[in-house]
């Protein structure tokens, strides 16, 4: 099971349910502790930067027009996109375009000092936002799933010595049981490996031990 230290802060999915990933891929991230407040401050600064740049639209109008078109197209994409990973990427592109637009007006316009001050303030909040998040990566390749039932660590080959009949019956796992998607953790499923646990009543089975070879 994949779970970081900041799981109580809320989670943003980077990889979608059922998506195949390689070793080292970022699966999801946790919000920073004060993320809601930081995001609000950044949004307020974006509005101030846009207002400050309204009087500077005569400066490098072609460059700013290209960036405005890019921002508008990406905003349109957000309305029709359902994939959380793609939504995150689109928002990142919008932020980058807004920053470039602000830089053009901020560094090369008569009112540059004020705009640059707003940009620096925004960068500070953005740094706090990014440095406070926790990125969770996988050490395994496989398929991403957020359907976590809490048995992932218990029903594991590493815990084989504790998987006896009474323990398995205590779990009361039902066939076809619906598992809700977690908002705190995830896991990687290796679809090339699986383990089967069965209960045998024969004398030979009861006499077996871990790593003991069977007699032919």
N, C-alpha and C. Protein backbone atom coordinates (compact mmCIF):
# COMPACT_ATOMS: atom_id res chain seq x y z
N UNK A 1 0.84 -1.19 0.00
CA UNK A 1 0.00 0.00 0.00
C UNK A 1 0.88 1.25 0.00
N UNK A 2 0.46 2.27 -0.73
CA UNK A 2 1.19 3.52 -0.80
C UNK A 2 0.49 4.57 0.06
N UNK A 3 1.21 5.08 1.04
CA UNK A 3 0.67 6.13 1.89
C UNK A 3 1.81 6.94 2.48
N UNK A 4 1.71 8.26 2.37
CA UNK A 4 2.75 9.13 2.90
C UNK A 4 2.43 9.63 4.29
N UNK A 5 3.22 10.57 4.76
CA UNK A 5 3.05 11.09 6.12
C UNK A 5 1.91 12.11 6.21
N UNK A 6 1.63 12.80 5.12
CA UNK A 6 0.66 13.90 5.16
C UNK A 6 -0.71 13.49 4.62
N UNK A 7 -1.09 12.22 4.82
CA UNK A 7 -2.33 11.72 4.22
C UNK A 7 -3.59 12.41 4.74
N UNK A 8 -3.51 13.07 5.90
CA UNK A 8 -4.67 13.78 6.45
C UNK A 8 -4.91 15.13 5.77
N UNK A 9 -3.95 15.58 4.95
CA UNK A 9 -4.08 16.88 4.30
C UNK A 9 -4.95 16.85 3.04
N UNK A 10 -5.29 15.65 2.57
CA UNK A 10 -6.04 15.54 1.31
C UNK A 10 -5.11 15.16 0.18
N UNK A 11 -5.66 14.50 -0.82
CA UNK A 11 -4.83 13.91 -1.87
C UNK A 11 -5.25 14.38 -3.27
N UNK A 12 -4.25 14.58 -4.13
CA UNK A 12 -4.47 14.89 -5.55
C UNK A 12 -3.92 13.73 -6.36
N UNK A 13 -4.74 13.11 -7.17
CA UNK A 13 -4.30 11.97 -7.97
C UNK A 13 -3.53 12.45 -9.20
N UNK A 14 -2.34 11.89 -9.38
CA UNK A 14 -1.54 12.19 -10.57
C UNK A 14 -1.78 11.11 -11.62
N UNK A 15 -1.87 9.87 -11.18
CA UNK A 15 -2.19 8.75 -12.06
C UNK A 15 -3.62 8.28 -11.79
N UNK A 16 -4.33 7.94 -12.84
CA UNK A 16 -5.73 7.56 -12.70
C UNK A 16 -5.89 6.09 -12.33
N UNK A 17 -7.04 5.73 -11.81
CA UNK A 17 -7.37 4.34 -11.50
C UNK A 17 -7.21 3.48 -12.75
N UNK A 18 -6.46 2.38 -12.61
CA UNK A 18 -6.27 1.46 -13.73
C UNK A 18 -5.14 1.82 -14.68
N UNK A 19 -4.44 2.92 -14.41
CA UNK A 19 -3.35 3.35 -15.29
C UNK A 19 -2.07 2.56 -15.01
N UNK A 20 -1.36 2.17 -16.07
CA UNK A 20 -0.11 1.43 -15.92
C UNK A 20 1.03 2.41 -15.66
N UNK A 21 1.92 2.04 -14.73
CA UNK A 21 3.03 2.92 -14.38
C UNK A 21 4.33 2.12 -14.27
N UNK A 22 5.44 2.83 -14.40
CA UNK A 22 6.76 2.24 -14.25
C UNK A 22 7.32 2.56 -12.87
N UNK A 23 8.41 1.91 -12.53
CA UNK A 23 9.07 2.16 -11.24
C UNK A 23 9.49 3.63 -11.14
N UNK A 24 9.24 4.24 -10.01
CA UNK A 24 9.65 5.62 -9.79
C UNK A 24 8.63 6.66 -10.21
N UNK A 25 7.49 6.23 -10.75
CA UNK A 25 6.47 7.17 -11.20
C UNK A 25 5.75 7.81 -10.01
N UNK A 26 5.40 9.09 -10.15
CA UNK A 26 4.62 9.77 -9.12
C UNK A 26 3.16 9.35 -9.27
N UNK A 27 2.58 8.80 -8.21
CA UNK A 27 1.22 8.28 -8.27
C UNK A 27 0.20 9.32 -7.80
N UNK A 28 0.48 9.95 -6.68
CA UNK A 28 -0.38 11.02 -6.17
C UNK A 28 0.45 11.91 -5.25
N UNK A 29 -0.15 13.00 -4.86
CA UNK A 29 0.54 13.89 -3.92
C UNK A 29 -0.46 14.36 -2.88
N UNK A 30 0.07 14.74 -1.71
CA UNK A 30 -0.75 15.28 -0.65
C UNK A 30 -0.64 16.80 -0.66
N UNK A 31 -1.75 17.45 -0.34
CA UNK A 31 -1.75 18.91 -0.25
C UNK A 31 -0.80 19.36 0.86
N UNK A 32 -0.31 20.60 0.73
CA UNK A 32 0.46 21.17 1.83
C UNK A 32 -0.50 21.55 2.94
N UNK A 33 0.04 21.79 4.12
CA UNK A 33 -0.79 22.00 5.30
C UNK A 33 -1.72 23.20 5.15
N UNK A 34 -1.24 24.28 4.54
CA UNK A 34 -2.04 25.50 4.41
C UNK A 34 -2.39 25.77 2.95
N UNK A 35 -2.62 24.68 2.19
CA UNK A 35 -2.76 24.81 0.74
C UNK A 35 -3.95 25.68 0.33
N UNK A 36 -5.08 25.51 0.97
CA UNK A 36 -6.28 26.27 0.59
C UNK A 36 -6.04 27.77 0.69
N UNK A 37 -5.40 28.19 1.77
CA UNK A 37 -5.12 29.61 1.98
C UNK A 37 -4.09 30.12 0.98
N UNK A 38 -3.06 29.30 0.70
CA UNK A 38 -2.02 29.71 -0.25
C UNK A 38 -2.57 29.84 -1.66
N UNK A 39 -3.41 28.89 -2.05
CA UNK A 39 -4.02 28.94 -3.38
C UNK A 39 -4.88 30.19 -3.52
N UNK A 40 -5.61 30.53 -2.48
CA UNK A 40 -6.46 31.72 -2.49
C UNK A 40 -5.62 32.98 -2.67
N UNK A 41 -4.47 33.06 -1.96
CA UNK A 41 -3.59 34.22 -2.06
C UNK A 41 -3.01 34.34 -3.47
N UNK A 42 -2.64 33.19 -4.06
CA UNK A 42 -2.09 33.19 -5.42
C UNK A 42 -3.14 33.68 -6.42
N UNK A 43 -4.38 33.21 -6.25
CA UNK A 43 -5.47 33.63 -7.14
C UNK A 43 -5.72 35.14 -7.03
N UNK A 44 -5.65 35.67 -5.81
CA UNK A 44 -5.84 37.11 -5.59
C UNK A 44 -4.72 37.90 -6.27
N UNK A 45 -3.50 37.40 -6.19
CA UNK A 45 -2.37 38.07 -6.82
C UNK A 45 -2.47 38.01 -8.34
N UNK A 46 -2.98 36.91 -8.88
CA UNK A 46 -3.17 36.79 -10.32
C UNK A 46 -4.12 37.87 -10.83
N UNK A 47 -5.16 38.14 -10.06
CA UNK A 47 -6.12 39.19 -10.43
C UNK A 47 -5.45 40.57 -10.39
N UNK A 48 -4.64 40.80 -9.36
CA UNK A 48 -3.94 42.08 -9.24
C UNK A 48 -2.95 42.26 -10.38
N UNK A 49 -2.26 41.18 -10.74
CA UNK A 49 -1.29 41.24 -11.84
C UNK A 49 -2.00 41.54 -13.16
N UNK A 50 -3.16 40.88 -13.38
CA UNK A 50 -3.93 41.13 -14.61
C UNK A 50 -4.40 42.58 -14.67
N UNK A 51 -4.88 43.10 -13.54
CA UNK A 51 -5.34 44.49 -13.50
C UNK A 51 -4.19 45.45 -13.78
N UNK A 52 -3.03 45.16 -13.20
CA UNK A 52 -1.86 46.04 -13.39
C UNK A 52 -1.37 46.02 -14.82
N UNK A 53 -1.58 44.89 -15.50
CA UNK A 53 -1.09 44.76 -16.87
C UNK A 53 -2.06 45.32 -17.90
N UNK A 54 -3.30 45.62 -17.49
CA UNK A 54 -4.29 46.12 -18.43
C UNK A 54 -3.81 47.40 -19.11
N UNK A 55 -3.09 48.24 -18.36
CA UNK A 55 -2.60 49.51 -18.92
C UNK A 55 -1.33 49.32 -19.73
N UNK A 56 -0.80 48.10 -19.71
CA UNK A 56 0.48 47.86 -20.38
C UNK A 56 0.32 46.98 -21.61
N UNK A 57 -0.91 46.82 -22.08
CA UNK A 57 -1.15 45.91 -23.21
C UNK A 57 -0.52 46.42 -24.51
N UNK A 58 -0.12 47.69 -24.56
CA UNK A 58 0.55 48.21 -25.75
C UNK A 58 1.99 47.75 -25.82
N UNK A 59 2.51 47.23 -24.73
CA UNK A 59 3.88 46.73 -24.69
C UNK A 59 3.92 45.28 -25.17
N UNK A 60 4.65 45.01 -26.23
CA UNK A 60 4.77 43.67 -26.79
C UNK A 60 3.39 42.99 -26.95
N UNK A 61 2.44 43.64 -27.66
CA UNK A 61 1.08 43.09 -27.77
C UNK A 61 1.03 41.71 -28.42
N UNK A 62 1.92 41.43 -29.37
CA UNK A 62 1.88 40.13 -30.05
C UNK A 62 2.22 38.99 -29.10
N UNK A 63 3.24 39.19 -28.25
CA UNK A 63 3.63 38.16 -27.28
C UNK A 63 2.51 37.89 -26.29
N UNK A 64 1.93 38.99 -25.78
CA UNK A 64 0.85 38.84 -24.80
C UNK A 64 -0.37 38.20 -25.43
N UNK A 65 -0.64 38.52 -26.69
CA UNK A 65 -1.80 37.93 -27.37
C UNK A 65 -1.65 36.42 -27.51
N UNK A 66 -0.44 35.98 -27.84
CA UNK A 66 -0.18 34.53 -27.97
C UNK A 66 -0.43 33.83 -26.64
N UNK A 67 0.05 34.42 -25.56
CA UNK A 67 -0.14 33.84 -24.23
C UNK A 67 -1.61 33.85 -23.81
N UNK A 68 -2.31 34.93 -24.15
CA UNK A 68 -3.75 35.00 -23.83
C UNK A 68 -4.52 33.90 -24.54
N UNK A 69 -4.17 33.67 -25.80
CA UNK A 69 -4.83 32.61 -26.58
C UNK A 69 -4.57 31.24 -25.97
N UNK A 70 -3.34 31.03 -25.52
CA UNK A 70 -2.97 29.76 -24.90
C UNK A 70 -3.76 29.54 -23.61
N UNK A 71 -3.87 30.60 -22.81
CA UNK A 71 -4.60 30.51 -21.54
C UNK A 71 -6.07 30.20 -21.80
N UNK A 72 -6.68 30.89 -22.78
CA UNK A 72 -8.09 30.69 -23.09
C UNK A 72 -8.37 29.27 -23.59
N UNK A 73 -7.48 28.75 -24.44
CA UNK A 73 -7.66 27.40 -24.98
C UNK A 73 -7.56 26.35 -23.88
N UNK A 74 -6.62 26.56 -22.96
CA UNK A 74 -6.46 25.61 -21.86
C UNK A 74 -7.65 25.65 -20.90
N UNK A 75 -8.20 26.84 -20.69
CA UNK A 75 -9.38 26.96 -19.84
C UNK A 75 -10.56 26.21 -20.46
N UNK A 76 -10.69 26.30 -21.79
CA UNK A 76 -11.76 25.58 -22.50
C UNK A 76 -11.58 24.07 -22.35
N UNK A 77 -10.33 23.62 -22.37
CA UNK A 77 -10.05 22.19 -22.21
C UNK A 77 -10.50 21.68 -20.85
N UNK A 78 -10.35 22.51 -19.81
CA UNK A 78 -10.71 22.10 -18.46
C UNK A 78 -12.19 21.73 -18.33
N UNK A 79 -13.05 22.42 -19.11
CA UNK A 79 -14.48 22.16 -19.01
C UNK A 79 -14.87 20.78 -19.54
N UNK A 80 -14.07 20.23 -20.46
CA UNK A 80 -14.42 18.94 -21.07
C UNK A 80 -13.53 17.79 -20.61
N UNK A 81 -12.58 18.08 -19.69
CA UNK A 81 -11.63 17.06 -19.26
C UNK A 81 -12.06 16.45 -17.92
N UNK A 82 -12.02 15.11 -17.83
CA UNK A 82 -12.38 14.41 -16.61
C UNK A 82 -11.19 13.73 -15.93
N UNK A 83 -10.11 13.54 -16.70
CA UNK A 83 -8.92 12.87 -16.17
C UNK A 83 -8.17 13.82 -15.23
N UNK A 84 -8.06 13.44 -13.95
CA UNK A 84 -7.42 14.31 -12.96
C UNK A 84 -5.96 14.61 -13.28
N UNK A 85 -5.27 13.62 -13.85
CA UNK A 85 -3.86 13.83 -14.19
C UNK A 85 -3.72 14.89 -15.29
N UNK A 86 -4.62 14.83 -16.29
CA UNK A 86 -4.57 15.80 -17.39
C UNK A 86 -5.01 17.18 -16.92
N UNK A 87 -5.99 17.22 -16.01
CA UNK A 87 -6.44 18.50 -15.45
C UNK A 87 -5.29 19.19 -14.72
N UNK A 88 -4.52 18.42 -13.95
CA UNK A 88 -3.37 18.96 -13.23
C UNK A 88 -2.34 19.54 -14.21
N UNK A 89 -2.11 18.82 -15.32
CA UNK A 89 -1.14 19.27 -16.32
C UNK A 89 -1.62 20.54 -17.02
N UNK A 90 -2.92 20.61 -17.33
CA UNK A 90 -3.47 21.80 -17.99
C UNK A 90 -3.36 23.02 -17.08
N UNK A 91 -3.67 22.84 -15.78
CA UNK A 91 -3.56 23.93 -14.83
C UNK A 91 -2.12 24.43 -14.71
N UNK A 92 -1.18 23.50 -14.79
CA UNK A 92 0.24 23.86 -14.74
C UNK A 92 0.61 24.74 -15.94
N UNK A 93 0.09 24.38 -17.13
CA UNK A 93 0.37 25.15 -18.34
C UNK A 93 -0.23 26.55 -18.24
N UNK A 94 -1.43 26.65 -17.64
CA UNK A 94 -2.07 27.95 -17.46
C UNK A 94 -1.23 28.83 -16.55
N UNK A 95 -0.75 28.25 -15.43
CA UNK A 95 0.08 29.00 -14.48
C UNK A 95 1.36 29.51 -15.14
N UNK A 96 1.97 28.65 -15.97
CA UNK A 96 3.21 29.04 -16.65
C UNK A 96 2.97 30.18 -17.63
N UNK A 97 1.83 30.12 -18.35
CA UNK A 97 1.50 31.18 -19.30
C UNK A 97 1.23 32.50 -18.59
N UNK A 98 0.52 32.42 -17.45
CA UNK A 98 0.23 33.63 -16.66
C UNK A 98 1.54 34.25 -16.16
N UNK A 99 2.47 33.39 -15.70
CA UNK A 99 3.75 33.89 -15.20
C UNK A 99 4.57 34.57 -16.31
N UNK A 100 4.57 33.97 -17.50
CA UNK A 100 5.30 34.55 -18.64
C UNK A 100 4.70 35.89 -19.04
N UNK A 101 3.36 35.93 -19.05
CA UNK A 101 2.65 37.16 -19.40
C UNK A 101 3.00 38.27 -18.40
N UNK A 102 3.01 37.91 -17.12
CA UNK A 102 3.33 38.88 -16.08
C UNK A 102 4.77 39.35 -16.18
N UNK A 103 5.66 38.43 -16.54
CA UNK A 103 7.09 38.77 -16.66
C UNK A 103 7.32 39.80 -17.76
N UNK A 104 6.62 39.59 -18.90
CA UNK A 104 6.76 40.52 -20.03
C UNK A 104 6.37 41.93 -19.61
N UNK A 105 5.22 42.05 -18.96
CA UNK A 105 4.75 43.37 -18.54
C UNK A 105 5.55 43.89 -17.36
N UNK A 106 5.96 42.97 -16.48
CA UNK A 106 6.64 43.36 -15.25
C UNK A 106 8.05 43.86 -15.46
N UNK A 107 8.79 43.24 -16.37
CA UNK A 107 10.21 43.58 -16.54
C UNK A 107 10.44 44.59 -17.66
N UNK A 108 9.46 44.70 -18.59
CA UNK A 108 9.72 45.52 -19.76
C UNK A 108 8.67 46.61 -19.97
N UNK A 109 8.00 46.99 -18.92
CA UNK A 109 6.99 48.04 -19.04
C UNK A 109 7.31 49.17 -18.07
N UNK A 110 6.75 50.37 -18.31
CA UNK A 110 6.98 51.50 -17.41
C UNK A 110 6.55 51.23 -15.97
N UNK A 111 5.50 50.44 -15.80
CA UNK A 111 5.00 50.15 -14.45
C UNK A 111 5.59 48.85 -13.92
N UNK A 112 6.74 48.49 -14.46
CA UNK A 112 7.34 47.19 -14.17
C UNK A 112 7.62 46.92 -12.71
N UNK A 113 8.04 47.93 -11.95
CA UNK A 113 8.43 47.69 -10.56
C UNK A 113 7.27 47.16 -9.73
N UNK A 114 6.06 47.72 -9.95
CA UNK A 114 4.90 47.28 -9.18
C UNK A 114 4.50 45.86 -9.56
N UNK A 115 4.48 45.60 -10.87
CA UNK A 115 4.11 44.26 -11.35
C UNK A 115 5.13 43.23 -10.88
N UNK A 116 6.41 43.61 -10.94
CA UNK A 116 7.46 42.69 -10.51
C UNK A 116 7.31 42.37 -9.02
N UNK A 117 6.91 43.36 -8.23
CA UNK A 117 6.69 43.14 -6.80
C UNK A 117 5.58 42.10 -6.59
N UNK A 118 4.52 42.21 -7.38
CA UNK A 118 3.42 41.24 -7.29
C UNK A 118 3.88 39.85 -7.72
N UNK A 119 4.72 39.81 -8.78
CA UNK A 119 5.23 38.53 -9.27
C UNK A 119 6.09 37.85 -8.21
N UNK A 120 6.96 38.64 -7.58
CA UNK A 120 7.84 38.09 -6.54
C UNK A 120 7.02 37.56 -5.36
N UNK A 121 5.97 38.29 -5.02
CA UNK A 121 5.10 37.86 -3.92
C UNK A 121 4.39 36.56 -4.28
N UNK A 122 3.94 36.49 -5.53
CA UNK A 122 3.28 35.26 -6.01
C UNK A 122 4.24 34.08 -5.99
N UNK A 123 5.48 34.31 -6.43
CA UNK A 123 6.49 33.26 -6.46
C UNK A 123 6.78 32.72 -5.06
N UNK A 124 6.74 33.62 -4.08
CA UNK A 124 6.99 33.21 -2.69
C UNK A 124 5.89 32.28 -2.19
N UNK A 125 4.64 32.65 -2.49
CA UNK A 125 3.52 31.79 -2.08
C UNK A 125 3.55 30.46 -2.82
N UNK A 126 3.92 30.52 -4.09
CA UNK A 126 3.98 29.30 -4.90
C UNK A 126 5.06 28.36 -4.39
N UNK A 127 6.18 28.95 -3.94
CA UNK A 127 7.26 28.14 -3.37
C UNK A 127 6.78 27.44 -2.10
N UNK A 128 6.09 28.18 -1.24
CA UNK A 128 5.55 27.59 -0.01
C UNK A 128 4.56 26.48 -0.33
N UNK A 129 3.76 26.70 -1.35
CA UNK A 129 2.75 25.72 -1.75
C UNK A 129 3.42 24.43 -2.23
N UNK A 130 4.40 24.56 -3.10
CA UNK A 130 5.07 23.38 -3.68
C UNK A 130 5.97 22.66 -2.69
N UNK A 131 6.66 23.44 -1.83
CA UNK A 131 7.58 22.81 -0.88
C UNK A 131 6.85 22.09 0.24
N UNK A 132 5.59 22.46 0.46
CA UNK A 132 4.82 21.83 1.53
C UNK A 132 4.07 20.59 1.11
N UNK A 133 4.08 20.28 -0.19
CA UNK A 133 3.37 19.09 -0.66
C UNK A 133 4.25 17.85 -0.53
N UNK A 134 3.62 16.70 -0.55
CA UNK A 134 4.35 15.43 -0.47
C UNK A 134 4.01 14.57 -1.69
N UNK A 135 5.02 14.29 -2.48
CA UNK A 135 4.85 13.50 -3.69
C UNK A 135 5.09 12.03 -3.37
N UNK A 136 4.14 11.16 -3.67
CA UNK A 136 4.27 9.73 -3.38
C UNK A 136 4.57 8.97 -4.67
N UNK A 137 5.70 8.28 -4.68
CA UNK A 137 6.14 7.53 -5.86
C UNK A 137 6.11 6.03 -5.59
N UNK A 138 6.09 5.25 -6.66
CA UNK A 138 6.04 3.80 -6.52
C UNK A 138 7.41 3.17 -6.74
N UNK A 139 7.68 2.14 -5.99
CA UNK A 139 8.91 1.37 -6.17
C UNK A 139 8.65 0.12 -7.01
N UNK A 140 7.40 -0.03 -7.45
CA UNK A 140 7.01 -1.18 -8.26
C UNK A 140 6.36 -0.72 -9.55
N UNK A 141 6.45 -1.55 -10.58
CA UNK A 141 5.72 -1.31 -11.83
C UNK A 141 4.42 -2.09 -11.77
N UNK A 142 3.38 -1.55 -12.35
CA UNK A 142 2.10 -2.26 -12.34
C UNK A 142 0.95 -1.34 -12.65
N UNK A 143 -0.22 -1.66 -12.09
CA UNK A 143 -1.45 -0.91 -12.35
C UNK A 143 -1.87 -0.16 -11.09
N UNK A 144 -2.20 1.11 -11.24
CA UNK A 144 -2.59 1.94 -10.12
C UNK A 144 -4.02 1.64 -9.69
N UNK A 145 -4.23 1.56 -8.39
CA UNK A 145 -5.58 1.40 -7.85
C UNK A 145 -5.72 2.17 -6.55
N UNK A 146 -6.88 2.79 -6.39
CA UNK A 146 -7.17 3.51 -5.15
C UNK A 146 -8.22 2.75 -4.33
N UNK A 147 -8.52 1.54 -4.73
CA UNK A 147 -9.47 0.70 -4.00
C UNK A 147 -8.71 -0.05 -2.91
N UNK A 148 -8.57 0.60 -1.79
CA UNK A 148 -7.79 0.08 -0.67
C UNK A 148 -8.74 -0.46 0.40
N UNK A 149 -8.58 -1.74 0.75
CA UNK A 149 -9.48 -2.35 1.75
C UNK A 149 -8.83 -2.55 3.11
N UNK A 150 -7.53 -2.21 3.23
CA UNK A 150 -6.85 -2.34 4.52
C UNK A 150 -6.17 -3.67 4.74
N UNK A 151 -6.36 -4.62 3.79
CA UNK A 151 -5.74 -5.93 3.93
C UNK A 151 -4.43 -6.06 3.15
N UNK A 152 -4.02 -4.97 2.49
CA UNK A 152 -2.86 -5.04 1.59
C UNK A 152 -1.59 -5.51 2.30
N UNK A 153 -1.33 -5.01 3.48
CA UNK A 153 -0.12 -5.39 4.21
C UNK A 153 -0.27 -6.73 4.93
N UNK A 154 -1.51 -7.04 5.33
CA UNK A 154 -1.76 -8.29 6.03
C UNK A 154 -1.70 -9.48 5.08
N UNK A 155 -2.40 -9.39 3.94
CA UNK A 155 -2.42 -10.48 2.96
C UNK A 155 -1.26 -10.30 1.99
N UNK A 156 -0.08 -10.52 2.51
CA UNK A 156 1.15 -10.29 1.75
C UNK A 156 2.12 -11.45 1.97
N UNK A 157 2.91 -11.81 0.94
CA UNK A 157 3.89 -12.88 1.10
C UNK A 157 4.86 -12.62 2.26
N UNK A 158 5.11 -11.34 2.55
CA UNK A 158 6.02 -11.01 3.65
C UNK A 158 5.41 -11.34 5.01
N UNK A 159 4.10 -11.56 5.03
CA UNK A 159 3.40 -11.87 6.27
C UNK A 159 2.86 -13.31 6.25
N UNK A 160 3.49 -14.14 5.43
CA UNK A 160 3.00 -15.50 5.19
C UNK A 160 2.90 -16.32 6.48
N UNK A 161 3.82 -16.13 7.38
CA UNK A 161 3.84 -16.92 8.60
C UNK A 161 2.64 -16.71 9.50
N UNK A 162 1.92 -15.61 9.31
CA UNK A 162 0.76 -15.31 10.15
C UNK A 162 -0.57 -15.64 9.46
N UNK A 163 -0.50 -16.19 8.25
CA UNK A 163 -1.74 -16.48 7.51
C UNK A 163 -2.18 -17.92 7.77
N UNK A 164 -2.82 -18.13 8.90
CA UNK A 164 -3.35 -19.45 9.23
C UNK A 164 -4.88 -19.41 9.15
N UNK A 165 -5.50 -20.57 9.26
CA UNK A 165 -6.94 -20.71 9.04
C UNK A 165 -7.79 -19.75 9.87
N UNK A 166 -7.58 -19.73 11.17
CA UNK A 166 -8.40 -18.89 12.04
C UNK A 166 -8.25 -17.41 11.69
N UNK A 167 -7.02 -17.01 11.34
CA UNK A 167 -6.76 -15.62 10.99
C UNK A 167 -7.52 -15.23 9.73
N UNK A 168 -7.51 -16.09 8.73
CA UNK A 168 -8.21 -15.81 7.49
C UNK A 168 -9.73 -15.74 7.69
N UNK A 169 -10.25 -16.64 8.53
CA UNK A 169 -11.69 -16.64 8.77
C UNK A 169 -12.14 -15.40 9.53
N UNK A 170 -11.27 -14.88 10.39
CA UNK A 170 -11.58 -13.67 11.15
C UNK A 170 -11.77 -12.45 10.25
N UNK A 171 -11.13 -12.47 9.10
CA UNK A 171 -11.20 -11.33 8.19
C UNK A 171 -12.59 -11.13 7.61
N UNK A 172 -13.34 -12.23 7.50
CA UNK A 172 -14.73 -12.17 7.02
C UNK A 172 -14.83 -11.46 5.67
N UNK A 173 -13.95 -11.83 4.75
CA UNK A 173 -13.97 -11.24 3.41
C UNK A 173 -15.05 -11.91 2.58
N UNK A 174 -15.90 -11.11 1.94
CA UNK A 174 -17.01 -11.64 1.17
C UNK A 174 -16.74 -11.53 -0.33
N UNK A 175 -17.13 -12.57 -1.06
CA UNK A 175 -16.97 -12.56 -2.52
C UNK A 175 -17.82 -11.44 -3.13
N UNK A 176 -17.23 -10.69 -4.04
CA UNK A 176 -17.95 -9.62 -4.71
C UNK A 176 -18.14 -8.36 -3.87
N UNK A 177 -17.45 -8.29 -2.75
CA UNK A 177 -17.59 -7.13 -1.86
C UNK A 177 -17.10 -5.85 -2.54
N UNK A 178 -17.88 -4.79 -2.46
CA UNK A 178 -17.53 -3.52 -3.07
C UNK A 178 -16.52 -2.78 -2.21
N UNK A 179 -15.44 -2.34 -2.84
CA UNK A 179 -14.39 -1.61 -2.12
C UNK A 179 -14.41 -0.14 -2.58
N UNK A 180 -14.57 0.77 -1.65
CA UNK A 180 -14.60 2.19 -1.96
C UNK A 180 -13.20 2.70 -2.29
N UNK A 181 -13.13 3.71 -3.14
CA UNK A 181 -11.85 4.30 -3.48
C UNK A 181 -11.38 5.21 -2.35
N UNK A 182 -10.12 5.08 -1.98
CA UNK A 182 -9.56 5.83 -0.87
C UNK A 182 -9.18 7.25 -1.29
N UNK A 183 -9.30 8.18 -0.36
CA UNK A 183 -8.85 9.55 -0.57
C UNK A 183 -7.59 9.84 0.23
N UNK A 184 -6.96 8.79 0.74
CA UNK A 184 -5.76 8.95 1.55
C UNK A 184 -4.59 8.11 1.07
N UNK A 185 -4.85 7.04 0.33
CA UNK A 185 -3.78 6.13 -0.07
C UNK A 185 -4.11 5.43 -1.37
N UNK A 186 -3.15 4.67 -1.87
CA UNK A 186 -3.34 3.92 -3.10
C UNK A 186 -2.46 2.68 -3.07
N UNK A 187 -2.41 1.96 -4.18
CA UNK A 187 -1.57 0.78 -4.25
C UNK A 187 -1.23 0.46 -5.70
N UNK A 188 -0.23 -0.39 -5.88
CA UNK A 188 0.18 -0.85 -7.20
C UNK A 188 -0.11 -2.34 -7.29
N UNK A 189 -0.83 -2.73 -8.33
CA UNK A 189 -1.16 -4.15 -8.54
C UNK A 189 -0.26 -4.71 -9.63
N UNK A 190 0.46 -5.77 -9.30
CA UNK A 190 1.28 -6.47 -10.28
C UNK A 190 0.42 -7.54 -10.93
N UNK A 191 -0.01 -7.30 -12.16
CA UNK A 191 -0.93 -8.25 -12.80
C UNK A 191 -0.23 -9.49 -13.37
N UNK A 192 1.07 -9.64 -13.07
CA UNK A 192 1.79 -10.84 -13.49
C UNK A 192 1.98 -11.82 -12.33
N UNK A 193 1.63 -11.37 -11.11
CA UNK A 193 1.81 -12.23 -9.94
C UNK A 193 0.53 -12.25 -9.12
N UNK A 194 0.21 -13.39 -8.57
CA UNK A 194 -0.89 -13.47 -7.62
C UNK A 194 -0.65 -14.66 -6.71
N UNK A 195 -1.27 -14.62 -5.55
CA UNK A 195 -1.08 -15.67 -4.56
C UNK A 195 -2.44 -16.24 -4.17
N UNK A 196 -2.49 -17.55 -4.00
CA UNK A 196 -3.73 -18.23 -3.63
C UNK A 196 -3.56 -18.90 -2.28
N UNK A 197 -4.46 -18.63 -1.35
CA UNK A 197 -4.43 -19.26 -0.03
C UNK A 197 -5.58 -20.27 0.05
N UNK A 198 -5.26 -21.49 0.41
CA UNK A 198 -6.29 -22.53 0.55
C UNK A 198 -6.09 -23.25 1.89
N UNK A 199 -7.16 -23.82 2.39
CA UNK A 199 -7.10 -24.56 3.64
C UNK A 199 -7.19 -26.05 3.33
N UNK A 200 -6.16 -26.83 3.70
CA UNK A 200 -6.11 -28.26 3.43
C UNK A 200 -6.20 -29.03 4.74
N UNK A 201 -6.93 -30.15 4.71
CA UNK A 201 -7.15 -30.94 5.93
C UNK A 201 -6.34 -32.23 5.98
N UNK A 202 -5.56 -32.50 4.95
CA UNK A 202 -4.82 -33.76 4.92
C UNK A 202 -3.69 -33.77 5.95
N UNK A 203 -3.27 -34.97 6.32
CA UNK A 203 -2.18 -35.11 7.30
C UNK A 203 -0.88 -34.52 6.75
N UNK A 204 -0.66 -34.72 5.45
CA UNK A 204 0.56 -34.19 4.82
C UNK A 204 0.56 -32.65 4.89
N UNK A 205 -0.61 -32.05 4.64
CA UNK A 205 -0.70 -30.60 4.65
C UNK A 205 -0.44 -30.05 6.05
N UNK A 206 -1.01 -30.72 7.06
CA UNK A 206 -0.85 -30.25 8.44
C UNK A 206 0.58 -30.40 8.93
N UNK A 207 1.33 -31.29 8.30
CA UNK A 207 2.71 -31.53 8.73
C UNK A 207 3.72 -30.64 8.00
N UNK A 208 3.23 -29.89 7.02
CA UNK A 208 4.15 -29.06 6.24
C UNK A 208 4.61 -27.84 7.03
N UNK A 209 5.76 -27.32 6.63
CA UNK A 209 6.32 -26.12 7.24
C UNK A 209 6.78 -25.19 6.13
N UNK A 210 6.94 -23.95 6.48
CA UNK A 210 7.41 -22.97 5.52
C UNK A 210 8.78 -23.37 4.98
N UNK A 211 8.93 -23.36 3.66
CA UNK A 211 10.15 -23.68 2.93
C UNK A 211 10.52 -25.18 2.98
N UNK A 212 9.63 -25.99 3.52
CA UNK A 212 9.88 -27.42 3.53
C UNK A 212 9.45 -28.02 2.21
N UNK A 213 10.31 -28.83 1.59
CA UNK A 213 10.01 -29.44 0.32
C UNK A 213 9.03 -30.59 0.48
N UNK A 214 8.12 -30.68 -0.48
CA UNK A 214 7.14 -31.78 -0.45
C UNK A 214 7.80 -33.08 -0.92
N UNK A 215 7.36 -34.20 -0.33
CA UNK A 215 7.89 -35.53 -0.75
C UNK A 215 7.13 -36.00 -1.98
N UNK A 216 7.85 -36.46 -2.97
CA UNK A 216 7.20 -36.93 -4.20
C UNK A 216 6.82 -38.40 -4.07
